[in-house]
């Protein structure tokens, strides 16, 4: 499945089981927005990331952005503690993570905590943990401050979104001990 197909599956499940959450999500980014962000970041987005953002750029409206936190997004999706980032939030977190030498720490190029080729697309509000896309090959990895970074957790964004769709299906089937759909929204316990 392509990233567009996998994301469409996620959106269909969300629309079917959590229509209020689905209705809150904004529309797509534009090519101009993405090109401007790439120029400011100094890195080209991977094709899968670009495709996803052209379907939904999940930035909060400007008036809802909290400048006191590292990242903002739509609470409760895809899970209780983290949220997908829109291009503005990605750019902000990327600026916080990127380093002049290309990787951090500078003496560990083969096992860094962070590389400038990694673009975050999911995070908690503090930017301490999340998922990223490696622009070199499209693999999805995860970071958690204080723990080793995991690269290649998923071979692609499509595979990652397939896992999100599987989670939403388990929730819809009543097979999740920590989440259910109620009143058109995801409800985490």
N, C-alpha and C. Protein backbone atom coordinates (compact mmCIF):
# COMPACT_ATOMS: atom_id res chain seq x y z
N UNK A 1 0.83 -1.18 0.00
CA UNK A 1 0.00 0.00 0.00
C UNK A 1 0.88 1.25 0.00
N UNK A 2 0.45 2.27 -0.67
CA UNK A 2 1.18 3.54 -0.69
C UNK A 2 0.85 4.34 0.57
N UNK A 3 1.64 5.38 0.83
CA UNK A 3 1.36 6.23 1.99
C UNK A 3 -0.01 6.89 1.83
N UNK A 4 -0.38 7.29 0.63
CA UNK A 4 -1.69 7.91 0.41
C UNK A 4 -2.81 6.93 0.74
N UNK A 5 -2.67 5.68 0.31
CA UNK A 5 -3.69 4.67 0.60
C UNK A 5 -3.77 4.36 2.08
N UNK A 6 -2.61 4.24 2.73
CA UNK A 6 -2.59 3.94 4.16
C UNK A 6 -3.20 5.07 4.97
N UNK A 7 -2.86 6.31 4.61
CA UNK A 7 -3.42 7.47 5.32
C UNK A 7 -4.93 7.57 5.06
N UNK A 8 -5.37 7.28 3.84
CA UNK A 8 -6.80 7.30 3.53
C UNK A 8 -7.55 6.28 4.39
N UNK A 9 -6.94 5.15 4.61
CA UNK A 9 -7.55 4.13 5.48
C UNK A 9 -7.70 4.66 6.90
N UNK A 10 -6.65 5.32 7.42
CA UNK A 10 -6.72 5.93 8.75
C UNK A 10 -7.85 6.95 8.80
N UNK A 11 -7.91 7.82 7.80
CA UNK A 11 -8.93 8.88 7.78
C UNK A 11 -10.33 8.29 7.66
N UNK A 12 -10.50 7.23 6.88
CA UNK A 12 -11.81 6.58 6.75
C UNK A 12 -12.27 6.00 8.08
N UNK A 13 -11.36 5.34 8.78
CA UNK A 13 -11.70 4.78 10.09
C UNK A 13 -12.03 5.88 11.09
N UNK A 14 -11.26 6.94 11.06
CA UNK A 14 -11.52 8.05 11.97
C UNK A 14 -12.87 8.69 11.65
N UNK A 15 -13.15 8.90 10.37
CA UNK A 15 -14.43 9.51 9.98
C UNK A 15 -15.60 8.62 10.37
N UNK A 16 -15.44 7.32 10.23
CA UNK A 16 -16.51 6.38 10.55
C UNK A 16 -16.76 6.29 12.05
N UNK A 17 -15.70 6.23 12.85
CA UNK A 17 -15.85 5.95 14.28
C UNK A 17 -15.67 7.16 15.18
N UNK A 18 -14.99 8.19 14.70
CA UNK A 18 -14.77 9.40 15.50
C UNK A 18 -14.99 10.63 14.60
N UNK A 19 -16.23 10.81 14.12
CA UNK A 19 -16.48 11.89 13.17
C UNK A 19 -16.20 13.29 13.74
N UNK A 20 -16.36 13.48 15.02
CA UNK A 20 -16.07 14.80 15.61
C UNK A 20 -14.57 15.07 15.56
N UNK A 21 -13.75 14.06 15.89
CA UNK A 21 -12.30 14.22 15.78
C UNK A 21 -11.90 14.46 14.32
N UNK A 22 -12.49 13.70 13.42
CA UNK A 22 -12.18 13.84 12.00
C UNK A 22 -12.51 15.25 11.51
N UNK A 23 -13.64 15.78 11.93
CA UNK A 23 -14.07 17.11 11.49
C UNK A 23 -13.14 18.22 11.98
N UNK A 24 -12.44 17.98 13.10
CA UNK A 24 -11.52 18.98 13.65
C UNK A 24 -10.24 19.12 12.83
N UNK A 25 -9.90 18.12 12.04
CA UNK A 25 -8.62 18.11 11.35
C UNK A 25 -8.63 19.09 10.18
N UNK A 26 -7.52 19.82 10.00
CA UNK A 26 -7.46 20.82 8.93
C UNK A 26 -7.19 20.19 7.57
N UNK A 27 -7.18 21.02 6.58
CA UNK A 27 -6.93 20.57 5.21
C UNK A 27 -5.45 20.41 4.92
N UNK A 28 -5.14 20.26 3.66
CA UNK A 28 -3.77 19.96 3.25
C UNK A 28 -2.85 21.17 3.26
N UNK A 29 -1.56 20.87 3.28
CA UNK A 29 -0.54 21.90 3.04
C UNK A 29 -0.51 22.16 1.53
N UNK A 30 0.15 23.22 1.15
CA UNK A 30 0.33 23.51 -0.28
C UNK A 30 1.78 23.25 -0.65
N UNK A 31 2.03 23.09 -1.94
CA UNK A 31 3.41 22.93 -2.42
C UNK A 31 4.26 24.13 -2.01
N UNK A 32 3.66 25.32 -2.05
CA UNK A 32 4.40 26.53 -1.67
C UNK A 32 4.81 26.49 -0.20
N UNK A 33 3.90 26.03 0.67
CA UNK A 33 4.23 25.91 2.10
C UNK A 33 5.39 24.94 2.30
N UNK A 34 5.33 23.81 1.61
CA UNK A 34 6.37 22.79 1.77
C UNK A 34 7.70 23.28 1.22
N UNK A 35 7.69 23.94 0.08
CA UNK A 35 8.93 24.46 -0.51
C UNK A 35 9.56 25.50 0.41
N UNK A 36 8.75 26.37 0.99
CA UNK A 36 9.28 27.39 1.90
C UNK A 36 9.87 26.75 3.15
N UNK A 37 9.20 25.74 3.69
CA UNK A 37 9.72 25.04 4.87
C UNK A 37 11.02 24.32 4.55
N UNK A 38 11.09 23.67 3.39
CA UNK A 38 12.33 22.99 2.99
C UNK A 38 13.47 23.99 2.89
N UNK A 39 13.21 25.13 2.34
CA UNK A 39 14.26 26.14 2.21
C UNK A 39 14.74 26.61 3.59
N UNK A 40 13.80 26.86 4.50
CA UNK A 40 14.19 27.30 5.84
C UNK A 40 14.95 26.21 6.60
N UNK A 41 14.53 24.94 6.42
CA UNK A 41 15.18 23.84 7.13
C UNK A 41 16.48 23.43 6.46
N UNK A 42 16.61 23.69 5.16
CA UNK A 42 17.81 23.30 4.45
C UNK A 42 17.85 21.82 4.11
N UNK A 43 16.69 21.19 4.01
CA UNK A 43 16.62 19.76 3.70
C UNK A 43 15.35 19.52 2.89
N UNK A 44 15.42 18.57 1.95
CA UNK A 44 14.24 18.21 1.16
C UNK A 44 13.43 17.16 1.89
N UNK A 45 12.13 17.30 1.87
CA UNK A 45 11.25 16.32 2.50
C UNK A 45 11.24 15.04 1.67
N UNK A 46 11.13 13.91 2.35
CA UNK A 46 10.98 12.64 1.65
C UNK A 46 9.63 12.64 0.93
N UNK A 47 9.54 11.94 -0.19
CA UNK A 47 8.31 11.91 -0.98
C UNK A 47 7.09 11.47 -0.21
N UNK A 48 7.23 10.46 0.67
CA UNK A 48 6.09 10.00 1.47
C UNK A 48 5.61 11.09 2.42
N UNK A 49 6.54 11.80 3.03
CA UNK A 49 6.18 12.88 3.96
C UNK A 49 5.46 13.99 3.19
N UNK A 50 5.98 14.31 2.04
CA UNK A 50 5.36 15.34 1.18
C UNK A 50 3.93 14.91 0.80
N UNK A 51 3.78 13.68 0.36
CA UNK A 51 2.46 13.17 -0.03
C UNK A 51 1.48 13.27 1.12
N UNK A 52 1.91 12.88 2.31
CA UNK A 52 1.05 12.94 3.49
C UNK A 52 0.65 14.38 3.80
N UNK A 53 1.61 15.29 3.81
CA UNK A 53 1.32 16.69 4.14
C UNK A 53 0.41 17.34 3.10
N UNK A 54 0.48 16.89 1.87
CA UNK A 54 -0.40 17.43 0.84
C UNK A 54 -1.83 16.90 0.97
N UNK A 55 -2.03 15.95 1.88
CA UNK A 55 -3.37 15.45 2.18
C UNK A 55 -3.90 16.07 3.47
N UNK A 56 -3.08 16.16 4.48
CA UNK A 56 -3.44 16.78 5.76
C UNK A 56 -2.20 17.39 6.37
N UNK A 57 -2.18 18.68 6.53
CA UNK A 57 -1.13 19.32 7.32
C UNK A 57 -1.77 19.60 8.67
N UNK A 58 -1.41 18.84 9.66
CA UNK A 58 -2.14 18.84 10.92
C UNK A 58 -1.68 19.92 11.89
N UNK A 59 -1.35 21.09 11.37
CA UNK A 59 -1.04 22.22 12.24
C UNK A 59 -2.33 22.74 12.87
N UNK A 60 -2.20 23.14 14.13
CA UNK A 60 -3.32 23.81 14.78
C UNK A 60 -3.51 25.19 14.16
N UNK A 61 -4.72 25.73 14.23
CA UNK A 61 -4.89 27.13 13.82
C UNK A 61 -4.00 28.02 14.68
N UNK A 62 -3.50 29.09 14.10
CA UNK A 62 -2.56 29.99 14.80
C UNK A 62 -3.05 30.39 16.18
N UNK A 63 -4.36 30.68 16.31
CA UNK A 63 -4.89 31.14 17.60
C UNK A 63 -4.88 30.06 18.67
N UNK A 64 -4.73 28.79 18.29
CA UNK A 64 -4.71 27.69 19.25
C UNK A 64 -3.30 27.23 19.61
N UNK A 65 -2.28 27.79 18.99
CA UNK A 65 -0.90 27.39 19.25
C UNK A 65 -0.46 27.94 20.60
N UNK A 66 0.10 27.07 21.42
CA UNK A 66 0.61 27.44 22.74
C UNK A 66 2.12 27.62 22.63
N UNK A 67 2.59 28.84 22.75
CA UNK A 67 4.02 29.11 22.63
C UNK A 67 4.83 28.60 23.81
N UNK A 68 4.16 28.14 24.87
CA UNK A 68 4.85 27.64 26.06
C UNK A 68 5.29 26.19 25.91
N UNK A 69 4.84 25.50 24.89
CA UNK A 69 5.21 24.10 24.69
C UNK A 69 6.00 23.97 23.39
N UNK A 70 6.78 22.91 23.30
CA UNK A 70 7.63 22.70 22.12
C UNK A 70 6.81 22.35 20.89
N UNK A 71 5.73 21.59 21.07
CA UNK A 71 4.92 21.14 19.94
C UNK A 71 3.44 21.24 20.28
N UNK A 72 2.65 21.53 19.28
CA UNK A 72 1.20 21.57 19.43
C UNK A 72 0.57 20.70 18.36
N UNK A 73 -0.56 20.11 18.71
CA UNK A 73 -1.28 19.30 17.74
C UNK A 73 -2.65 18.97 18.26
N UNK A 74 -3.34 18.08 17.56
CA UNK A 74 -4.68 17.70 17.94
C UNK A 74 -4.61 16.60 19.00
N UNK A 75 -5.06 16.92 20.22
CA UNK A 75 -4.98 15.99 21.35
C UNK A 75 -5.70 14.68 21.05
N UNK A 76 -5.09 13.58 21.50
CA UNK A 76 -5.74 12.29 21.43
C UNK A 76 -5.64 11.55 20.12
N UNK A 77 -4.87 12.05 19.19
CA UNK A 77 -4.74 11.36 17.91
C UNK A 77 -3.31 11.50 17.43
N UNK A 78 -2.58 10.41 17.24
CA UNK A 78 -3.03 9.03 17.15
C UNK A 78 -3.09 8.28 18.48
N UNK A 79 -2.58 8.88 19.57
CA UNK A 79 -2.70 8.25 20.88
C UNK A 79 -2.84 9.33 21.92
N UNK A 80 -2.87 8.93 23.17
CA UNK A 80 -3.16 9.89 24.23
C UNK A 80 -2.05 10.90 24.46
N UNK A 81 -0.81 10.50 24.33
CA UNK A 81 0.28 11.37 24.72
C UNK A 81 1.02 12.08 23.60
N UNK A 82 0.66 11.81 22.36
CA UNK A 82 1.38 12.43 21.25
C UNK A 82 0.40 12.79 20.15
N UNK A 83 0.89 13.53 19.18
CA UNK A 83 0.04 13.96 18.08
C UNK A 83 0.87 14.16 16.82
N UNK A 84 0.19 14.04 15.69
CA UNK A 84 0.84 14.29 14.41
C UNK A 84 1.13 15.77 14.28
N UNK A 85 2.23 16.08 13.62
CA UNK A 85 2.65 17.46 13.43
C UNK A 85 2.31 17.93 12.03
N UNK A 86 1.90 19.17 11.92
CA UNK A 86 1.77 19.81 10.62
C UNK A 86 3.12 20.38 10.23
N UNK A 87 3.22 20.97 9.07
CA UNK A 87 4.52 21.44 8.57
C UNK A 87 5.10 22.53 9.46
N UNK A 88 4.29 23.44 10.00
CA UNK A 88 4.84 24.49 10.88
C UNK A 88 5.41 23.88 12.15
N UNK A 89 4.69 22.93 12.74
CA UNK A 89 5.18 22.28 13.96
C UNK A 89 6.42 21.44 13.68
N UNK A 90 6.45 20.77 12.53
CA UNK A 90 7.64 20.00 12.14
C UNK A 90 8.85 20.91 12.04
N UNK A 91 8.65 22.02 11.37
CA UNK A 91 9.75 22.96 11.16
C UNK A 91 10.27 23.50 12.49
N UNK A 92 9.36 23.80 13.39
CA UNK A 92 9.74 24.32 14.71
C UNK A 92 10.55 23.29 15.50
N UNK A 93 10.07 22.05 15.54
CA UNK A 93 10.78 21.00 16.27
C UNK A 93 12.09 20.66 15.58
N UNK A 94 12.10 20.63 14.25
CA UNK A 94 13.33 20.36 13.51
C UNK A 94 14.38 21.41 13.85
N UNK A 95 13.99 22.67 13.91
CA UNK A 95 14.93 23.74 14.25
C UNK A 95 15.51 23.53 15.64
N UNK A 96 14.72 22.98 16.53
CA UNK A 96 15.17 22.71 17.90
C UNK A 96 16.13 21.53 17.95
N UNK A 97 15.98 20.57 17.03
CA UNK A 97 16.77 19.34 17.04
C UNK A 97 18.02 19.40 16.17
N UNK A 98 17.96 20.11 15.04
CA UNK A 98 19.07 20.06 14.09
C UNK A 98 20.32 20.73 14.66
N UNK A 99 21.46 20.24 14.20
CA UNK A 99 22.75 20.73 14.70
C UNK A 99 23.66 21.06 13.53
N UNK A 100 24.61 21.93 13.77
CA UNK A 100 25.47 22.41 12.69
C UNK A 100 26.32 21.30 12.07
N UNK A 101 26.73 20.31 12.83
CA UNK A 101 27.56 19.24 12.28
C UNK A 101 26.78 18.15 11.57
N UNK A 102 25.46 18.18 11.66
CA UNK A 102 24.64 17.19 10.96
C UNK A 102 24.14 16.07 11.84
N UNK A 103 24.79 15.84 12.99
CA UNK A 103 24.33 14.80 13.90
C UNK A 103 24.77 15.15 15.32
N UNK A 104 24.04 14.61 16.29
CA UNK A 104 24.27 14.89 17.70
C UNK A 104 24.25 13.58 18.47
N UNK A 105 25.25 13.27 19.27
CA UNK A 105 26.45 14.05 19.54
C UNK A 105 27.45 13.95 18.38
N UNK A 106 28.30 14.98 18.25
CA UNK A 106 29.19 15.06 17.09
C UNK A 106 30.23 13.96 17.01
N UNK A 107 30.52 13.29 18.12
CA UNK A 107 31.53 12.23 18.10
C UNK A 107 30.93 10.84 17.86
N UNK A 108 29.62 10.76 17.54
CA UNK A 108 28.98 9.47 17.32
C UNK A 108 28.19 9.45 16.01
N UNK A 109 28.86 9.60 14.88
CA UNK A 109 28.14 9.65 13.60
C UNK A 109 27.41 8.36 13.24
N UNK A 110 27.86 7.22 13.78
CA UNK A 110 27.22 5.95 13.44
C UNK A 110 26.07 5.59 14.37
N UNK A 111 25.96 6.27 15.50
CA UNK A 111 24.91 5.98 16.47
C UNK A 111 24.48 7.27 17.17
N UNK A 112 24.00 8.25 16.40
CA UNK A 112 23.67 9.53 17.01
C UNK A 112 22.30 9.52 17.69
N UNK A 113 22.09 10.47 18.57
CA UNK A 113 20.76 10.70 19.11
C UNK A 113 19.89 11.36 18.05
N UNK A 114 20.49 12.25 17.25
CA UNK A 114 19.73 12.95 16.21
C UNK A 114 20.59 13.20 14.98
N UNK A 115 19.98 13.09 13.80
CA UNK A 115 20.62 13.44 12.53
C UNK A 115 19.75 14.48 11.84
N UNK A 116 20.38 15.39 11.12
CA UNK A 116 19.62 16.42 10.41
C UNK A 116 18.78 15.85 9.27
N UNK A 117 19.02 14.61 8.87
CA UNK A 117 18.21 13.97 7.83
C UNK A 117 16.89 13.42 8.37
N UNK A 118 16.66 13.55 9.66
CA UNK A 118 15.44 13.05 10.27
C UNK A 118 14.46 14.20 10.46
N UNK A 119 13.26 14.06 9.93
CA UNK A 119 12.22 15.08 10.05
C UNK A 119 11.12 14.53 10.97
N UNK A 120 10.89 15.19 12.12
CA UNK A 120 9.85 14.71 13.03
C UNK A 120 8.46 14.92 12.43
N UNK A 121 7.58 13.92 12.62
CA UNK A 121 6.20 14.09 12.16
C UNK A 121 5.19 13.75 13.25
N UNK A 122 5.66 13.29 14.40
CA UNK A 122 4.81 12.98 15.53
C UNK A 122 5.61 13.28 16.79
N UNK A 123 4.97 13.87 17.79
CA UNK A 123 5.71 14.23 19.00
C UNK A 123 4.75 14.39 20.17
N UNK A 124 5.34 14.39 21.37
CA UNK A 124 4.59 14.84 22.54
C UNK A 124 4.73 16.36 22.60
N UNK A 125 4.05 17.01 23.53
CA UNK A 125 4.07 18.47 23.54
C UNK A 125 5.43 19.04 23.94
N UNK A 126 6.26 18.26 24.61
CA UNK A 126 7.57 18.74 25.02
C UNK A 126 8.66 18.48 24.00
N UNK A 127 8.36 17.71 22.97
CA UNK A 127 9.37 17.36 21.97
C UNK A 127 10.38 16.36 22.49
N UNK A 128 10.04 15.65 23.55
CA UNK A 128 10.97 14.68 24.15
C UNK A 128 10.91 13.31 23.50
N UNK A 129 9.78 13.02 22.88
CA UNK A 129 9.62 11.71 22.26
C UNK A 129 8.76 11.85 21.01
N UNK A 130 9.01 11.00 20.06
CA UNK A 130 8.22 11.05 18.84
C UNK A 130 8.75 10.15 17.75
N UNK A 131 8.23 10.37 16.57
CA UNK A 131 8.64 9.60 15.40
C UNK A 131 9.14 10.56 14.33
N UNK A 132 10.04 10.05 13.50
CA UNK A 132 10.62 10.86 12.42
C UNK A 132 10.72 10.03 11.15
N UNK A 133 10.83 10.74 10.03
CA UNK A 133 11.08 10.12 8.72
C UNK A 133 12.51 10.45 8.33
N UNK A 134 13.25 9.43 7.94
CA UNK A 134 14.60 9.63 7.43
C UNK A 134 14.48 10.04 5.97
N UNK A 135 14.91 11.26 5.63
CA UNK A 135 14.74 11.77 4.26
C UNK A 135 15.58 10.99 3.26
N UNK A 136 16.56 10.24 3.73
CA UNK A 136 17.42 9.49 2.81
C UNK A 136 16.72 8.26 2.24
N UNK A 137 15.90 7.58 3.05
CA UNK A 137 15.30 6.33 2.59
C UNK A 137 13.83 6.15 2.97
N UNK A 138 13.24 7.10 3.68
CA UNK A 138 11.82 7.03 4.01
C UNK A 138 11.47 6.17 5.20
N UNK A 139 12.49 5.57 5.85
CA UNK A 139 12.18 4.75 7.02
C UNK A 139 11.71 5.64 8.17
N UNK A 140 10.88 5.06 9.04
CA UNK A 140 10.36 5.76 10.21
C UNK A 140 11.10 5.25 11.43
N UNK A 141 11.59 6.18 12.23
CA UNK A 141 12.26 5.84 13.48
C UNK A 141 11.60 6.58 14.63
N UNK A 142 12.14 6.35 15.83
CA UNK A 142 11.59 7.04 17.00
C UNK A 142 12.71 7.49 17.91
N UNK A 143 12.44 8.57 18.62
CA UNK A 143 13.39 9.07 19.61
C UNK A 143 12.69 9.26 20.93
N UNK A 144 13.46 9.18 21.99
CA UNK A 144 13.01 9.50 23.34
C UNK A 144 14.23 10.05 24.05
N UNK A 145 14.13 11.27 24.54
CA UNK A 145 15.27 11.90 25.20
C UNK A 145 15.74 11.01 26.34
N UNK A 146 17.02 10.69 26.34
CA UNK A 146 17.61 9.85 27.37
C UNK A 146 17.74 8.39 26.98
N UNK A 147 17.10 7.99 25.89
CA UNK A 147 17.18 6.61 25.40
C UNK A 147 17.83 6.61 24.02
N UNK A 148 18.36 5.46 23.60
CA UNK A 148 18.91 5.39 22.25
C UNK A 148 17.81 5.61 21.20
N UNK A 149 18.15 6.29 20.14
CA UNK A 149 17.22 6.50 19.03
C UNK A 149 17.11 5.21 18.23
N UNK A 150 15.89 4.88 17.82
CA UNK A 150 15.64 3.67 17.04
C UNK A 150 15.37 4.09 15.60
N UNK A 151 16.20 3.62 14.69
CA UNK A 151 15.98 3.89 13.27
C UNK A 151 15.33 2.67 12.64
N UNK A 152 14.56 2.88 11.61
CA UNK A 152 13.95 1.76 10.89
C UNK A 152 12.91 1.00 11.68
N UNK A 153 12.21 1.66 12.60
CA UNK A 153 11.13 0.99 13.34
C UNK A 153 10.05 0.52 12.36
N UNK A 154 9.80 1.32 11.34
CA UNK A 154 8.90 0.96 10.24
C UNK A 154 9.66 1.22 8.95
N UNK A 155 9.45 0.39 7.95
CA UNK A 155 10.19 0.57 6.70
C UNK A 155 9.70 1.77 5.90
N UNK A 156 8.51 2.28 6.24
CA UNK A 156 7.97 3.44 5.52
C UNK A 156 6.85 4.07 6.33
N UNK A 157 6.44 5.27 5.91
CA UNK A 157 5.29 5.91 6.54
C UNK A 157 4.03 5.10 6.27
N UNK A 158 3.94 4.47 5.11
CA UNK A 158 2.77 3.64 4.80
C UNK A 158 2.63 2.52 5.83
N UNK A 159 3.74 1.86 6.15
CA UNK A 159 3.69 0.79 7.15
C UNK A 159 3.29 1.34 8.52
N UNK A 160 3.82 2.51 8.86
CA UNK A 160 3.45 3.11 10.14
C UNK A 160 1.94 3.43 10.16
N UNK A 161 1.42 4.05 9.09
CA UNK A 161 0.00 4.38 9.06
C UNK A 161 -0.86 3.12 9.04
N UNK A 162 -0.36 2.03 8.45
CA UNK A 162 -1.07 0.75 8.54
C UNK A 162 -1.22 0.34 10.00
N UNK A 163 -0.17 0.55 10.80
CA UNK A 163 -0.24 0.19 12.22
C UNK A 163 -1.24 1.08 12.96
N UNK A 164 -1.32 2.36 12.58
CA UNK A 164 -2.32 3.26 13.18
C UNK A 164 -3.72 2.78 12.82
N UNK A 165 -3.93 2.39 11.57
CA UNK A 165 -5.23 1.87 11.14
C UNK A 165 -5.59 0.60 11.90
N UNK A 166 -4.61 -0.27 12.13
CA UNK A 166 -4.86 -1.49 12.90
C UNK A 166 -5.26 -1.14 14.33
N UNK A 167 -4.62 -0.14 14.92
CA UNK A 167 -4.99 0.30 16.27
C UNK A 167 -6.42 0.84 16.29
N UNK A 168 -6.77 1.67 15.31
CA UNK A 168 -8.13 2.20 15.25
C UNK A 168 -9.15 1.08 15.06
N UNK A 169 -8.80 0.06 14.30
CA UNK A 169 -9.70 -1.08 14.10
C UNK A 169 -9.89 -1.84 15.41
N UNK A 170 -8.81 -2.06 16.16
CA UNK A 170 -8.93 -2.72 17.47
C UNK A 170 -9.82 -1.91 18.41
N UNK A 171 -9.66 -0.59 18.40
CA UNK A 171 -10.49 0.27 19.24
C UNK A 171 -11.96 0.13 18.82
N UNK A 172 -12.22 0.18 17.52
CA UNK A 172 -13.59 0.06 17.01
C UNK A 172 -14.21 -1.28 17.38
N UNK A 173 -13.39 -2.33 17.40
CA UNK A 173 -13.87 -3.67 17.74
C UNK A 173 -14.00 -3.89 19.24
N UNK A 174 -13.65 -2.88 20.04
CA UNK A 174 -13.72 -3.00 21.50
C UNK A 174 -12.57 -3.79 22.09
N UNK A 175 -11.47 -3.92 21.36
CA UNK A 175 -10.33 -4.72 21.80
C UNK A 175 -9.16 -3.89 22.30
N UNK A 176 -9.42 -2.68 22.76
CA UNK A 176 -8.36 -1.85 23.32
C UNK A 176 -8.67 -1.58 24.78
N UNK A 177 -7.73 -1.92 25.67
CA UNK A 177 -7.98 -1.67 27.10
C UNK A 177 -7.83 -0.20 27.49
N UNK A 178 -7.27 0.63 26.59
CA UNK A 178 -6.98 2.01 26.97
C UNK A 178 -7.74 3.06 26.17
N UNK A 179 -8.54 2.63 25.18
CA UNK A 179 -9.23 3.62 24.36
C UNK A 179 -10.54 3.05 23.85
N UNK A 180 -11.48 3.95 23.63
CA UNK A 180 -12.75 3.59 23.00
C UNK A 180 -13.24 4.80 22.21
N UNK A 181 -14.22 4.59 21.37
CA UNK A 181 -14.87 5.69 20.67
C UNK A 181 -16.12 6.06 21.46
N UNK A 182 -16.28 7.33 21.76
CA UNK A 182 -17.48 7.79 22.46
C UNK A 182 -17.83 9.20 22.01
N UNK A 183 -19.10 9.40 21.75
CA UNK A 183 -19.60 10.71 21.32
C UNK A 183 -18.81 11.28 20.13
N UNK A 184 -18.45 10.39 19.22
CA UNK A 184 -17.76 10.82 18.00
C UNK A 184 -16.29 11.15 18.17
N UNK A 185 -15.70 10.73 19.31
CA UNK A 185 -14.30 11.05 19.57
C UNK A 185 -13.57 9.84 20.15
N UNK A 186 -12.25 9.87 20.00
CA UNK A 186 -11.41 8.90 20.69
C UNK A 186 -11.37 9.29 22.16
N UNK A 187 -11.58 8.33 23.05
CA UNK A 187 -11.54 8.60 24.49
C UNK A 187 -10.53 7.65 25.13
N UNK A 188 -9.45 8.23 25.65
CA UNK A 188 -8.37 7.45 26.26
C UNK A 188 -8.58 7.39 27.76
N UNK A 189 -8.26 6.23 28.34
CA UNK A 189 -8.39 6.09 29.80
C UNK A 189 -7.05 5.95 30.47
